[in-house]
């Protein structure tokens, strides 16, 4: 899934989901999406994100981390 930065929803609800949703499959099953390592997100991007909500969330985490915007998520973590 290719998405432009213009489509990246950075509203508070989406950001909260990134710090509360857990990875449902794979090597990082159970890890919060916001805690996925950047190299793994890069690998997923190369494979292509799925065209569903999880794919959009993974793309958002990828964009946040690859652009050094991790600080957006820190205040939302509890």
Protein backbone atom coordinates (compact mmCIF):
# COMPACT_ATOMS: atom_id res chain seq x y z
CA UNK A 1 0.00 0.00 0.00
CA UNK A 2 1.51 3.29 -1.03
CA UNK A 3 0.14 6.29 0.75
CA UNK A 4 1.27 9.88 0.56
CA UNK A 5 1.97 11.95 3.64
CA UNK A 6 -1.16 13.94 2.79
CA UNK A 7 -3.26 10.89 3.69
CA UNK A 8 -1.50 10.23 6.99
CA UNK A 9 -4.10 10.83 9.67
CA UNK A 10 -2.40 12.25 12.74
CA UNK A 11 -5.43 13.03 14.83
CA UNK A 12 -5.29 12.14 18.54
CA UNK A 13 -7.56 9.11 18.16
CA UNK A 14 -5.25 7.54 15.58
CA UNK A 15 -2.18 8.29 17.68
CA UNK A 16 -3.80 6.73 20.75
CA UNK A 17 -4.53 3.60 18.72
CA UNK A 18 -0.84 3.36 17.82
CA UNK A 19 0.14 3.23 21.49
CA UNK A 20 -2.62 0.80 22.51
CA UNK A 21 -2.90 -1.64 19.58
CA UNK A 22 -0.76 -4.77 19.63
CA UNK A 23 0.78 -6.49 16.63
CA UNK A 24 -1.51 -9.46 15.90
CA UNK A 25 0.98 -11.71 14.06
CA UNK A 26 4.57 -12.45 13.18
CA UNK A 27 7.84 -12.11 15.03
CA UNK A 28 6.54 -9.21 17.12
CA UNK A 29 3.13 -10.66 18.06
CA UNK A 30 1.80 -8.88 21.14
CA UNK A 31 4.13 -5.88 20.90
CA UNK A 32 2.56 -2.43 20.77
CA UNK A 33 2.64 -1.00 17.26
CA UNK A 34 4.53 2.04 18.50
CA UNK A 35 7.23 -0.28 19.88
CA UNK A 36 7.92 -2.10 16.62
CA UNK A 37 11.54 -1.63 15.56
CA UNK A 38 12.10 0.68 12.62
CA UNK A 39 14.01 -1.94 10.57
CA UNK A 40 10.96 -4.23 10.81
CA UNK A 41 8.69 -1.40 9.64
CA UNK A 42 11.04 -0.71 6.72
CA UNK A 43 10.89 -4.40 5.80
CA UNK A 44 7.08 -4.36 5.96
CA UNK A 45 6.99 -1.26 3.76
CA UNK A 46 9.18 -3.00 1.18
CA UNK A 47 6.78 -5.97 1.21
CA UNK A 48 3.80 -3.61 0.98
CA UNK A 49 1.42 -2.73 3.77
CA UNK A 50 -1.98 -4.41 3.69
CA UNK A 51 -5.00 -2.40 2.54
CA UNK A 52 -6.81 -2.51 5.86
CA UNK A 53 -6.79 -0.68 9.18
CA UNK A 54 -3.69 -2.52 10.41
CA UNK A 55 -1.83 -1.62 7.22
CA UNK A 56 -2.75 2.03 7.71
CA UNK A 57 -1.61 1.90 11.34
CA UNK A 58 1.69 0.27 10.40
CA UNK A 59 2.21 2.88 7.70
CA UNK A 60 1.54 5.64 10.24
CA UNK A 61 4.09 4.16 12.69
CA UNK A 62 6.58 3.80 9.83
CA UNK A 63 6.12 7.45 8.82
CA UNK A 64 6.36 8.68 12.42
CA UNK A 65 9.54 6.75 13.12
CA UNK A 66 11.24 7.37 9.78
CA UNK A 67 10.65 11.13 10.16
CA UNK A 68 11.85 11.35 13.77
CA UNK A 69 8.39 12.14 15.14
CA UNK A 70 8.41 9.56 17.95
CA UNK A 71 7.94 12.41 20.41
CA UNK A 72 4.29 12.64 19.24
CA UNK A 73 3.59 9.26 20.84
CA UNK A 74 5.48 9.65 24.14
CA UNK A 75 2.85 11.75 25.96
CA UNK A 76 0.12 9.27 24.96
CA UNK A 77 1.80 6.23 26.51
CA UNK A 78 0.45 5.23 29.91
